[in-house]
Amino acid sequence: MGDQALLGPWIRRFLLEHLVAERNLARNTQIGYRDAFKLLIPFIKQHRKKPIHQLAVADISADLVRRFLADVEASRGCRVASRNQRLAAIRALAAFVGTRSPAHIQWAGEIRSIPFKKAERAIVPYLEKPEMDALLAAPDRRSVQGRRDYALLLFLYNTGARASEAAQLKIADVDLHGAYVKITGKGTKQRLCPLWRVTVIELMALLGHRLPNESVFINRSGQPLTRFGIHTLVERHASVAQCKVPSLGTKRVSPHSIRHYVSFRTMSGTLGFGPVFPANFSGHRRHSFDFFYPACTGQRAMNGAPSTNK
């Protein structure tokens, strides 16, 4: 069996040459595609009863792909969005193979004809102003860790950054004199976010005289906080804050809910920057996200306007 027929060489070229060298896709996208094939290949091996190195491109039939997607939802408990992400990786591989191997054009067309499943649009989580205030007041700022936690929560509140964006933030990305921060988001897209005076003060104390290539938010061992660590940090302080504001106990508080709270406030112009579209401020990939917010802004957001010294 020649290399054109074997699956392995195509997978290698797709992951290492196409995604990285040709497309220069974001690292997280590369990992997502890789993980999809880590699930798909053992599934195909089991059903074809072949060693992995003998699998052919044609062994990934459209019927088996549909069964694989059903298994992803049933056995692994994945949601429709995750199922569609796996399918996107498989369809991208089919397009890659089909454009480079005329013998596989029909196969590629069959794979790419598998439709994405429509997913229900989730309700946007957000916090009320008293809940956000209670969350910010939760860290014990008498300790070094508490001051770091407060600075991180304040940074998320100020910028609407994703947990992954805060985790990868470097000191060189923060301009304390200009009072802004450069955030690198999905697809390596960058945006500049203004910083409140109180945020600048907290970050200045947190950064000290550390080197520009170091991460802004680090743990006790001096290692960068991960996005999972940031999620745990927010959840831990939310459990403390719910003692003062019981309504927090009815919500799943995460960096994402802080992010949407910021988006509500930018639509109403109550963050001290004037009205801004959430897609511009928070780095959403599509402006269609802006239409999630107007129904929840208005008087709620106006009641939560921050003081002008921020």
C-alpha atoms as a PDB file:
ATOM      1  CA  MET A   1       0.000   0.000   0.000  1.00  0.00           C
ATOM      2  CA  GLY A   2       1.520   3.327  -1.081  1.00  0.00           C
ATOM      3  CA  ASP A   3       1.853   6.477   1.028  1.00  0.00           C
ATOM      4  CA  GLN A   4      -1.005   8.085  -0.919  1.00  0.00           C
ATOM      5  CA  ALA A   5      -3.379   5.410   0.395  1.00  0.00           C
ATOM      6  CA  LEU A   6      -2.095   5.147   3.991  1.00  0.00           C
ATOM      7  CA  LEU A   7      -3.725   7.354   6.613  1.00  0.00           C
ATOM      8  CA  GLY A   8      -0.642   7.942   8.785  1.00  0.00           C
ATOM      9  CA  PRO A   9       1.401  10.103   6.384  1.00  0.00           C
ATOM     10  CA  TRP A  10      -1.637  12.274   5.642  1.00  0.00           C
ATOM     11  CA  ILE A  11      -2.318  12.842   9.337  1.00  0.00           C
ATOM     12  CA  ARG A  12       1.310  13.827   9.860  1.00  0.00           C
ATOM     13  CA  ARG A  13       1.325  16.251   6.937  1.00  0.00           C
ATOM     14  CA  PHE A  14      -1.994  17.748   8.015  1.00  0.00           C
ATOM     15  CA  LEU A  15      -0.955  18.365  11.634  1.00  0.00           C
ATOM     16  CA  LEU A  16       2.674  19.387  11.149  1.00  0.00           C
ATOM     17  CA  GLU A  17       2.748  21.006   7.729  1.00  0.00           C
ATOM     18  CA  HIS A  18      -0.745  22.284   6.959  1.00  0.00           C
ATOM     19  CA  LEU A  19      -1.919  23.552  10.359  1.00  0.00           C
ATOM     20  CA  VAL A  20       1.446  24.943  11.430  1.00  0.00           C
ATOM     21  CA  ALA A  21       3.483  25.915   8.367  1.00  0.00           C
ATOM     22  CA  GLU A  22       0.734  26.721   5.854  1.00  0.00           C
ATOM     23  CA  ARG A  23      -2.149  27.987   7.998  1.00  0.00           C
ATOM     24  CA  ASN A  24      -0.260  29.146  11.104  1.00  0.00           C
ATOM     25  CA  LEU A  25      -3.326  28.378  13.205  1.00  0.00           C
ATOM     26  CA  ALA A  26      -3.422  29.169  16.907  1.00  0.00           C
ATOM     27  CA  ARG A  27      -1.866  26.634  19.261  1.00  0.00           C
ATOM     28  CA  ASN A  28      -5.220  25.832  20.868  1.00  0.00           C
ATOM     29  CA  THR A  29      -6.714  25.090  17.422  1.00  0.00           C
ATOM     30  CA  GLN A  30      -3.836  22.758  16.647  1.00  0.00           C
ATOM     31  CA  ILE A  31      -4.353  20.950  19.946  1.00  0.00           C
ATOM     32  CA  GLY A  32      -8.107  20.666  19.304  1.00  0.00           C
ATOM     33  CA  TYR A  33      -7.548  19.061  15.904  1.00  0.00           C
ATOM     34  CA  ARG A  34      -4.914  16.713  17.333  1.00  0.00           C
ATOM     35  CA  ASP A  35      -7.246  15.623  20.136  1.00  0.00           C
ATOM     36  CA  ALA A  36      -9.996  14.886  17.612  1.00  0.00           C
ATOM     37  CA  PHE A  37      -7.727  12.420  15.802  1.00  0.00           C
ATOM     38  CA  LYS A  38      -6.565  10.904  19.102  1.00  0.00           C
ATOM     39  CA  LEU A  39     -10.199   9.847  19.557  1.00  0.00           C
ATOM     40  CA  LEU A  40     -10.991   9.021  15.945  1.00  0.00           C
ATOM     41  CA  ILE A  41      -8.027   6.785  15.086  1.00  0.00           C
ATOM     42  CA  PRO A  42      -8.526   4.211  17.909  1.00  0.00           C
ATOM     43  CA  PHE A  43     -12.236   4.152  17.020  1.00  0.00           C
ATOM     44  CA  ILE A  44     -11.442   3.364  13.366  1.00  0.00           C
ATOM     45  CA  LYS A  45      -8.798   0.803  14.384  1.00  0.00           C
ATOM     46  CA  GLN A  46     -11.307  -1.011  16.593  1.00  0.00           C
ATOM     47  CA  HIS A  47     -13.954  -1.211  13.873  1.00  0.00           C
ATOM     48  CA  ARG A  48     -11.614  -2.042  10.996  1.00  0.00           C
ATOM     49  CA  LYS A  49      -9.626  -4.515  13.111  1.00  0.00           C
ATOM     50  CA  LYS A  50      -6.325  -3.321  11.672  1.00  0.00           C
ATOM     51  CA  PRO A  51      -3.056  -2.130  13.232  1.00  0.00           C
ATOM     52  CA  ILE A  52      -2.908   1.656  13.280  1.00  0.00           C
ATOM     53  CA  HIS A  53       0.039   1.796  10.868  1.00  0.00           C
ATOM     54  CA  GLN A  54      -1.976  -0.158   8.275  1.00  0.00           C
ATOM     55  CA  LEU A  55      -5.050   2.075   8.324  1.00  0.00           C
ATOM     56  CA  ALA A  56      -5.912   3.599   4.960  1.00  0.00           C
ATOM     57  CA  VAL A  57      -7.610   6.894   4.189  1.00  0.00           C
ATOM     58  CA  ALA A  58     -10.590   4.955   2.785  1.00  0.00           C
ATOM     59  CA  ASP A  59     -11.014   3.202   6.158  1.00  0.00           C
ATOM     60  CA  ILE A  60     -12.472   6.455   7.469  1.00  0.00           C
ATOM     61  CA  SER A  61     -15.812   6.051   5.736  1.00  0.00           C
ATOM     62  CA  ALA A  62     -18.651   8.546   6.065  1.00  0.00           C
ATOM     63  CA  ASP A  63     -20.709   5.899   7.876  1.00  0.00           C
ATOM     64  CA  LEU A  64     -17.956   5.289  10.432  1.00  0.00           C
ATOM     65  CA  VAL A  65     -17.534   9.013  10.989  1.00  0.00           C
ATOM     66  CA  ARG A  66     -21.250   9.315  11.760  1.00  0.00           C
ATOM     67  CA  ARG A  67     -20.981   6.422  14.214  1.00  0.00           C
ATOM     68  CA  PHE A  68     -17.911   8.023  15.773  1.00  0.00           C
ATOM     69  CA  LEU A  69     -19.755  11.320  16.274  1.00  0.00           C
ATOM     70  CA  ALA A  70     -22.693   9.494  17.863  1.00  0.00           C
ATOM     71  CA  ASP A  71     -20.268   7.702  20.168  1.00  0.00           C
ATOM     72  CA  VAL A  72     -18.655  11.012  21.160  1.00  0.00           C
ATOM     73  CA  GLU A  73     -22.027  12.239  22.377  1.00  0.00           C
ATOM     74  CA  ALA A  74     -23.284   8.978  23.918  1.00  0.00           C
ATOM     75  CA  SER A  75     -20.214   7.359  25.478  1.00  0.00           C
ATOM     76  CA  ARG A  76     -18.158  10.439  26.342  1.00  0.00           C
ATOM     77  CA  GLY A  77     -21.092  12.667  27.255  1.00  0.00           C
ATOM     78  CA  CYS A  78     -19.912  15.488  24.975  1.00  0.00           C
ATOM     79  CA  ARG A  79     -22.239  18.289  24.000  1.00  0.00           C
ATOM     80  CA  VAL A  80     -23.215  19.168  20.446  1.00  0.00           C
ATOM     81  CA  ALA A  81     -20.570  21.898  20.304  1.00  0.00           C
ATOM     82  CA  SER A  82     -17.815  19.382  21.095  1.00  0.00           C
ATOM     83  CA  ARG A  83     -19.249  16.950  18.549  1.00  0.00           C
ATOM     84  CA  ASN A  84     -19.159  19.681  15.905  1.00  0.00           C
ATOM     85  CA  GLN A  85     -15.559  20.540  16.796  1.00  0.00           C
ATOM     86  CA  ARG A  86     -14.537  16.917  16.169  1.00  0.00           C
ATOM     87  CA  LEU A  87     -16.384  16.952  12.851  1.00  0.00           C
ATOM     88  CA  ALA A  88     -14.698  20.216  11.841  1.00  0.00           C
ATOM     89  CA  ALA A  89     -11.279  18.591  12.290  1.00  0.00           C
ATOM     90  CA  ILE A  90     -12.290  15.549  10.206  1.00  0.00           C
ATOM     91  CA  ARG A  91     -13.777  17.697   7.446  1.00  0.00           C
ATOM     92  CA  ALA A  92     -10.643  19.850   7.374  1.00  0.00           C
ATOM     93  CA  LEU A  93      -8.521  16.710   6.953  1.00  0.00           C
ATOM     94  CA  ALA A  94     -10.775  15.529   4.117  1.00  0.00           C
ATOM     95  CA  ALA A  95     -10.416  18.868   2.319  1.00  0.00           C
ATOM     96  CA  PHE A  96      -6.650  18.723   2.771  1.00  0.00           C
ATOM     97  CA  VAL A  97      -6.391  15.198   1.333  1.00  0.00           C
ATOM     98  CA  GLY A  98      -8.896  15.821  -1.471  1.00  0.00           C
ATOM     99  CA  THR A  99      -7.074  18.882  -2.818  1.00  0.00           C
ATOM    100  CA  ARG A 100      -3.749  17.033  -2.936  1.00  0.00           C
ATOM    101  CA  SER A 101      -4.817  13.555  -4.061  1.00  0.00           C
ATOM    102  CA  PRO A 102      -7.283  13.337  -6.994  1.00  0.00           C
ATOM    103  CA  ALA A 103      -7.882   9.677  -6.159  1.00  0.00           C
ATOM    104  CA  HIS A 104      -9.512  10.757  -2.885  1.00  0.00           C
ATOM    105  CA  ILE A 105     -11.786  13.495  -4.217  1.00  0.00           C
ATOM    106  CA  GLN A 106     -14.931  11.345  -3.983  1.00  0.00           C
ATOM    107  CA  TRP A 107     -13.980  10.212  -0.468  1.00  0.00           C
ATOM    108  CA  ALA A 108     -13.386  13.807   0.596  1.00  0.00           C
ATOM    109  CA  GLY A 109     -16.767  14.843  -0.777  1.00  0.00           C
ATOM    110  CA  GLU A 110     -18.549  12.098   1.184  1.00  0.00           C
ATOM    111  CA  ILE A 111     -16.836  13.099   4.427  1.00  0.00           C
ATOM    112  CA  ARG A 112     -17.461  16.813   3.927  1.00  0.00           C
ATOM    113  CA  SER A 113     -21.151  16.152   3.194  1.00  0.00           C
ATOM    114  CA  ILE A 114     -21.682  15.134   6.843  1.00  0.00           C
ATOM    115  CA  PRO A 115     -23.579  18.093   8.326  1.00  0.00           C
ATOM    116  CA  PHE A 116     -22.916  19.917  11.544  1.00  0.00           C
ATOM    117  CA  LYS A 117     -25.607  19.446  14.150  1.00  0.00           C
ATOM    118  CA  LYS A 118     -27.522  22.512  15.248  1.00  0.00           C
ATOM    119  CA  ALA A 119     -26.819  23.310  18.893  1.00  0.00           C
ATOM    120  CA  GLU A 120     -29.056  25.170  21.290  1.00  0.00           C
ATOM    121  CA  ARG A 121     -27.751  28.626  22.090  1.00  0.00           C
ATOM    122  CA  ALA A 122     -26.833  28.735  25.743  1.00  0.00           C
ATOM    123  CA  ILE A 123     -28.078  31.443  28.085  1.00  0.00           C
ATOM    124  CA  VAL A 124     -25.377  34.033  28.653  1.00  0.00           C
ATOM    125  CA  PRO A 125     -24.215  33.898  32.295  1.00  0.00           C
ATOM    126  CA  TYR A 126     -23.553  37.195  34.030  1.00  0.00           C
ATOM    127  CA  LEU A 127     -23.329  38.804  37.469  1.00  0.00           C
ATOM    128  CA  GLU A 128     -25.195  41.652  39.095  1.00  0.00           C
ATOM    129  CA  LYS A 129     -23.193  44.600  40.450  1.00  0.00           C
ATOM    130  CA  PRO A 130     -23.535  43.590  44.150  1.00  0.00           C
ATOM    131  CA  GLU A 131     -22.372  40.079  43.234  1.00  0.00           C
ATOM    132  CA  MET A 132     -19.330  41.426  41.396  1.00  0.00           C
ATOM    133  CA  ASP A 133     -18.495  43.696  44.338  1.00  0.00           C
ATOM    134  CA  ALA A 134     -18.749  40.768  46.764  1.00  0.00           C
ATOM    135  CA  LEU A 135     -16.458  38.680  44.568  1.00  0.00           C
ATOM    136  CA  LEU A 136     -13.839  41.432  44.501  1.00  0.00           C
ATOM    137  CA  ALA A 137     -14.066  41.779  48.291  1.00  0.00           C
ATOM    138  CA  ALA A 138     -13.559  38.040  48.918  1.00  0.00           C
ATOM    139  CA  PRO A 139      -9.712  37.772  48.766  1.00  0.00           C
ATOM    140  CA  ASP A 140      -7.822  38.457  51.996  1.00  0.00           C
ATOM    141  CA  ARG A 141      -5.606  41.293  50.814  1.00  0.00           C
ATOM    142  CA  ARG A 142      -3.471  41.127  53.949  1.00  0.00           C
ATOM    143  CA  SER A 143      -1.608  38.175  52.422  1.00  0.00           C
ATOM    144  CA  VAL A 144       0.579  38.016  49.309  1.00  0.00           C
ATOM    145  CA  GLN A 145      -1.680  35.408  47.716  1.00  0.00           C
ATOM    146  CA  GLY A 146      -4.781  37.433  48.569  1.00  0.00           C
ATOM    147  CA  ARG A 147      -3.343  40.552  46.918  1.00  0.00           C
ATOM    148  CA  ARG A 148      -2.508  38.524  43.810  1.00  0.00           C
ATOM    149  CA  ASP A 149      -6.035  37.070  43.722  1.00  0.00           C
ATOM    150  CA  TYR A 150      -7.557  40.535  44.067  1.00  0.00           C
ATOM    151  CA  ALA A 151      -5.348  41.876  41.270  1.00  0.00           C
ATOM    152  CA  LEU A 152      -6.376  38.973  39.023  1.00  0.00           C
ATOM    153  CA  LEU A 153     -10.101  39.365  39.733  1.00  0.00           C
ATOM    154  CA  LEU A 154      -9.829  43.103  39.175  1.00  0.00           C
ATOM    155  CA  PHE A 155      -7.971  42.512  35.907  1.00  0.00           C
ATOM    156  CA  LEU A 156     -10.680  40.122  34.661  1.00  0.00           C
ATOM    157  CA  TYR A 157     -13.366  42.629  35.704  1.00  0.00           C
ATOM    158  CA  ASN A 158     -11.559  45.552  34.042  1.00  0.00           C
ATOM    159  CA  THR A 159     -10.656  43.889  30.733  1.00  0.00           C
ATOM    160  CA  GLY A 160     -13.169  41.075  30.189  1.00  0.00           C
ATOM    161  CA  ALA A 161     -10.221  38.785  29.417  1.00  0.00           C
ATOM    162  CA  ARG A 162     -10.663  35.055  29.013  1.00  0.00           C
ATOM    163  CA  ALA A 163      -8.965  32.803  31.578  1.00  0.00           C
ATOM    164  CA  SER A 164      -6.554  31.597  28.879  1.00  0.00           C
ATOM    165  CA  GLU A 165      -5.717  35.192  27.945  1.00  0.00           C
ATOM    166  CA  ALA A 166      -4.941  36.118  31.553  1.00  0.00           C
ATOM    167  CA  ALA A 167      -2.867  32.952  31.979  1.00  0.00           C
ATOM    168  CA  GLN A 168      -0.611  33.725  29.017  1.00  0.00           C
ATOM    169  CA  LEU A 169      -0.273  37.454  29.753  1.00  0.00           C
ATOM    170  CA  LYS A 170       3.343  38.638  29.982  1.00  0.00           C
ATOM    171  CA  ILE A 171       4.664  41.649  31.864  1.00  0.00           C
ATOM    172  CA  ALA A 172       5.807  43.104  28.529  1.00  0.00           C
ATOM    173  CA  ASP A 173       2.130  43.203  27.460  1.00  0.00           C
ATOM    174  CA  VAL A 174       1.254  45.623  30.274  1.00  0.00           C
ATOM    175  CA  ASP A 175       1.932  49.358  29.885  1.00  0.00           C
ATOM    176  CA  LEU A 176       1.399  50.832  33.325  1.00  0.00           C
ATOM    177  CA  HIS A 177       2.388  54.351  32.258  1.00  0.00           C
ATOM    178  CA  GLY A 178       0.003  54.347  29.309  1.00  0.00           C
ATOM    179  CA  ALA A 179      -2.630  52.507  31.392  1.00  0.00           C
ATOM    180  CA  TYR A 180      -3.445  49.817  28.843  1.00  0.00           C
ATOM    181  CA  VAL A 181      -2.772  46.134  28.208  1.00  0.00           C
ATOM    182  CA  LYS A 182      -2.246  44.168  25.003  1.00  0.00           C
ATOM    183  CA  ILE A 183      -4.259  40.949  25.075  1.00  0.00           C
ATOM    184  CA  THR A 184      -3.730  38.071  22.644  1.00  0.00           C
ATOM    185  CA  GLY A 185      -6.959  36.157  22.119  1.00  0.00           C
ATOM    186  CA  LYS A 186      -8.309  33.373  19.926  1.00  0.00           C
ATOM    187  CA  GLY A 187      -6.614  32.993  16.574  1.00  0.00           C
ATOM    188  CA  THR A 188      -3.679  35.082  17.929  1.00  0.00           C
ATOM    189  CA  LYS A 189      -5.803  38.213  17.423  1.00  0.00           C
ATOM    190  CA  GLN A 190      -4.619  41.092  19.572  1.00  0.00           C
ATOM    191  CA  ARG A 191      -6.534  43.948  21.158  1.00  0.00           C
ATOM    192  CA  LEU A 192      -5.683  46.843  23.467  1.00  0.00           C
ATOM    193  CA  CYS A 193      -7.754  47.362  26.611  1.00  0.00           C
ATOM    194  CA  PRO A 194      -7.573  50.474  28.811  1.00  0.00           C
ATOM    195  CA  LEU A 195      -6.853  49.975  32.500  1.00  0.00           C
ATOM    196  CA  TRP A 196      -8.496  51.777  35.412  1.00  0.00           C
ATOM    197  CA  ARG A 197      -6.272  53.660  37.795  1.00  0.00           C
ATOM    198  CA  VAL A 198      -6.984  51.158  40.585  1.00  0.00           C
ATOM    199  CA  THR A 199      -6.029  48.293  38.271  1.00  0.00           C
ATOM    200  CA  VAL A 200      -2.747  50.011  37.392  1.00  0.00           C
ATOM    201  CA  ILE A 201      -1.953  50.448  41.100  1.00  0.00           C
ATOM    202  CA  GLU A 202      -2.636  46.788  41.902  1.00  0.00           C
ATOM    203  CA  LEU A 203      -0.650  45.524  38.908  1.00  0.00           C
ATOM    204  CA  MET A 204       2.253  47.820  39.744  1.00  0.00           C
ATOM    205  CA  ALA A 205       2.460  46.307  43.231  1.00  0.00           C
ATOM    206  CA  LEU A 206       2.110  42.791  41.825  1.00  0.00           C
ATOM    207  CA  LEU A 207       4.773  43.116  39.122  1.00  0.00           C
ATOM    208  CA  GLY A 208       7.468  44.851  41.169  1.00  0.00           C
ATOM    209  CA  HIS A 209      10.848  44.560  39.430  1.00  0.00           C
ATOM    210  CA  ARG A 210      10.205  41.300  37.610  1.00  0.00           C
ATOM    211  CA  LEU A 211      11.454  40.722  34.047  1.00  0.00           C
ATOM    212  CA  PRO A 212       9.337  41.616  30.978  1.00  0.00           C
ATOM    213  CA  ASN A 213       9.260  38.025  29.693  1.00  0.00           C
ATOM    214  CA  GLU A 214       7.757  36.679  32.935  1.00  0.00           C
ATOM    215  CA  SER A 215       4.056  35.906  33.341  1.00  0.00           C
ATOM    216  CA  VAL A 216       1.958  38.493  35.159  1.00  0.00           C
ATOM    217  CA  PHE A 217       0.012  36.022  37.286  1.00  0.00           C
ATOM    218  CA  ILE A 218       2.122  33.340  38.963  1.00  0.00           C
ATOM    219  CA  ASN A 219       1.570  30.782  41.733  1.00  0.00           C
ATOM    220  CA  ARG A 220       3.472  30.293  44.996  1.00  0.00           C
ATOM    221  CA  SER A 221       6.198  28.376  43.167  1.00  0.00           C
ATOM    222  CA  GLY A 222       6.754  31.209  40.720  1.00  0.00           C
ATOM    223  CA  GLN A 223       5.165  29.255  37.850  1.00  0.00           C
ATOM    224  CA  PRO A 224       2.516  30.828  35.583  1.00  0.00           C
ATOM    225  CA  LEU A 225      -1.076  30.250  36.625  1.00  0.00           C
ATOM    226  CA  THR A 226      -2.931  28.013  34.172  1.00  0.00           C
ATOM    227  CA  ARG A 227      -6.419  28.708  32.912  1.00  0.00           C
ATOM    228  CA  PHE A 228      -7.608  25.825  35.089  1.00  0.00           C
ATOM    229  CA  GLY A 229      -5.943  27.446  38.099  1.00  0.00           C
ATOM    230  CA  ILE A 230      -7.694  30.730  37.321  1.00  0.00           C
ATOM    231  CA  HIS A 231     -11.051  28.937  37.109  1.00  0.00           C
ATOM    232  CA  THR A 232     -10.412  27.320  40.506  1.00  0.00           C
ATOM    233  CA  LEU A 233      -9.383  30.670  41.999  1.00  0.00           C
ATOM    234  CA  VAL A 234     -12.571  32.388  40.848  1.00  0.00           C
ATOM    235  CA  GLU A 235     -14.773  29.531  42.073  1.00  0.00           C
ATOM    236  CA  ARG A 236     -13.026  29.508  45.467  1.00  0.00           C
ATOM    237  CA  HIS A 237     -13.629  33.208  46.056  1.00  0.00           C
ATOM    238  CA  ALA A 238     -17.187  32.945  44.751  1.00  0.00           C
ATOM    239  CA  SER A 239     -17.934  30.392  47.472  1.00  0.00           C
ATOM    240  CA  VAL A 240     -16.624  32.868  50.048  1.00  0.00           C
ATOM    241  CA  ALA A 241     -18.567  35.780  48.544  1.00  0.00           C
ATOM    242  CA  GLN A 242     -21.879  33.921  48.594  1.00  0.00           C
ATOM    243  CA  CYS A 243     -21.909  34.197  52.398  1.00  0.00           C
ATOM    244  CA  LYS A 244     -22.507  37.933  51.898  1.00  0.00           C
ATOM    245  CA  VAL A 245     -24.511  37.715  48.673  1.00  0.00           C
ATOM    246  CA  PRO A 246     -26.521  34.437  48.715  1.00  0.00           C
ATOM    247  CA  SER A 247     -27.615  34.830  45.082  1.00  0.00           C
ATOM    248  CA  LEU A 248     -24.084  33.796  44.039  1.00  0.00           C
ATOM    249  CA  GLY A 249     -24.909  30.329  45.313  1.00  0.00           C
ATOM    250  CA  THR A 250     -27.500  29.932  42.556  1.00  0.00           C
ATOM    251  CA  LYS A 251     -25.013  30.723  39.768  1.00  0.00           C
ATOM    252  CA  ARG A 252     -21.989  28.983  38.327  1.00  0.00           C
ATOM    253  CA  VAL A 253     -19.436  31.748  38.740  1.00  0.00           C
ATOM    254  CA  SER A 254     -16.418  31.515  36.454  1.00  0.00           C
ATOM    255  CA  PRO A 255     -14.073  33.833  34.545  1.00  0.00           C
ATOM    256  CA  HIS A 256     -16.583  33.544  31.707  1.00  0.00           C
ATOM    257  CA  SER A 257     -19.420  35.024  33.766  1.00  0.00           C
ATOM    258  CA  ILE A 258     -17.150  37.941  34.748  1.00  0.00           C
ATOM    259  CA  ARG A 259     -16.356  38.357  31.064  1.00  0.00           C
ATOM    260  CA  HIS A 260     -20.044  38.622  30.158  1.00  0.00           C
ATOM    261  CA  TYR A 261     -20.661  41.023  33.040  1.00  0.00           C
ATOM    262  CA  VAL A 262     -18.076  43.328  31.474  1.00  0.00           C
ATOM    263  CA  SER A 263     -19.807  42.983  28.094  1.00  0.00           C
ATOM    264  CA  PHE A 264     -23.148  44.079  29.598  1.00  0.00           C
ATOM    265  CA  ARG A 265     -21.488  47.151  31.067  1.00  0.00           C
ATOM    266  CA  THR A 266     -19.639  48.128  27.883  1.00  0.00           C
ATOM    267  CA  MET A 267     -22.934  48.197  25.967  1.00  0.00           C
ATOM    268  CA  SER A 268     -24.346  50.735  28.429  1.00  0.00           C
ATOM    269  CA  GLY A 269     -21.176  52.818  28.672  1.00  0.00           C
ATOM    270  CA  THR A 270     -20.911  52.368  32.464  1.00  0.00           C
ATOM    271  CA  LEU A 271     -17.308  51.101  32.593  1.00  0.00           C
ATOM    272  CA  GLY A 272     -15.895  54.585  32.275  1.00  0.00           C
ATOM    273  CA  PHE A 273     -14.935  54.250  28.585  1.00  0.00           C
ATOM    274  CA  GLY A 274     -18.199  55.264  26.892  1.00  0.00           C
ATOM    275  CA  PRO A 275     -20.425  52.826  24.974  1.00  0.00           C
ATOM    276  CA  VAL A 276     -18.378  50.098  23.269  1.00  0.00           C
ATOM    277  CA  PHE A 277     -19.463  47.013  21.310  1.00  0.00           C
ATOM    278  CA  PRO A 278     -18.635  43.889  23.367  1.00  0.00           C
ATOM    279  CA  ALA A 279     -17.044  42.214  20.342  1.00  0.00           C
ATOM    280  CA  ASN A 280     -14.492  45.030  20.163  1.00  0.00           C
ATOM    281  CA  PHE A 281     -13.786  45.200  23.881  1.00  0.00           C
ATOM    282  CA  SER A 282     -13.832  41.509  24.828  1.00  0.00           C
ATOM    283  CA  GLY A 283     -12.371  40.049  21.653  1.00  0.00           C
ATOM    284  CA  HIS A 284     -15.426  38.089  20.498  1.00  0.00           C
ATOM    285  CA  ARG A 285     -14.819  36.636  17.058  1.00  0.00           C
ATOM    286  CA  ARG A 286     -18.183  37.792  15.667  1.00  0.00           C
ATOM    287  CA  HIS A 287     -20.218  40.954  16.209  1.00  0.00           C
ATOM    288  CA  SER A 288     -23.352  38.776  16.331  1.00  0.00           C
ATOM    289  CA  PHE A 289     -22.501  38.257  20.001  1.00  0.00           C
ATOM    290  CA  ASP A 290     -23.366  41.911  20.592  1.00  0.00           C
ATOM    291  CA  PHE A 291     -27.058  41.107  20.177  1.00  0.00           C
ATOM    292  CA  PHE A 292     -27.015  38.826  23.235  1.00  0.00           C
ATOM    293  CA  TYR A 293     -26.517  41.774  25.544  1.00  0.00           C
ATOM    294  CA  PRO A 294     -28.989  44.634  24.960  1.00  0.00           C
ATOM    295  CA  ALA A 295     -31.890  42.841  26.690  1.00  0.00           C
ATOM    296  CA  CYS A 296     -29.849  42.537  29.870  1.00  0.00           C
ATOM    297  CA  THR A 297     -28.332  46.013  29.886  1.00  0.00           C
ATOM    298  CA  GLY A 298     -30.134  49.260  30.522  1.00  0.00           C
ATOM    299  CA  GLN A 299     -31.191  50.028  34.079  1.00  0.00           C
ATOM    300  CA  ARG A 300     -29.378  46.998  35.558  1.00  0.00           C
ATOM    301  CA  ALA A 301     -26.066  48.123  34.151  1.00  0.00           C
ATOM    302  CA  MET A 302     -26.691  51.789  34.966  1.00  0.00           C
ATOM    303  CA  ASN A 303     -27.352  50.863  38.572  1.00  0.00           C
ATOM    304  CA  GLY A 304     -23.962  49.206  38.617  1.00  0.00           C
ATOM    305  CA  ALA A 305     -21.906  52.083  37.238  1.00  0.00           C
ATOM    306  CA  PRO A 306     -18.430  52.148  38.787  1.00  0.00           C
ATOM    307  CA  SER A 307     -17.099  55.229  40.466  1.00  0.00           C
ATOM    308  CA  THR A 308     -15.320  57.612  38.113  1.00  0.00           C
ATOM    309  CA  ASN A 309     -11.942  57.245  39.844  1.00  0.00           C
ATOM    310  CA  LYS A 310     -11.508  53.732  38.399  1.00  0.00           C
END
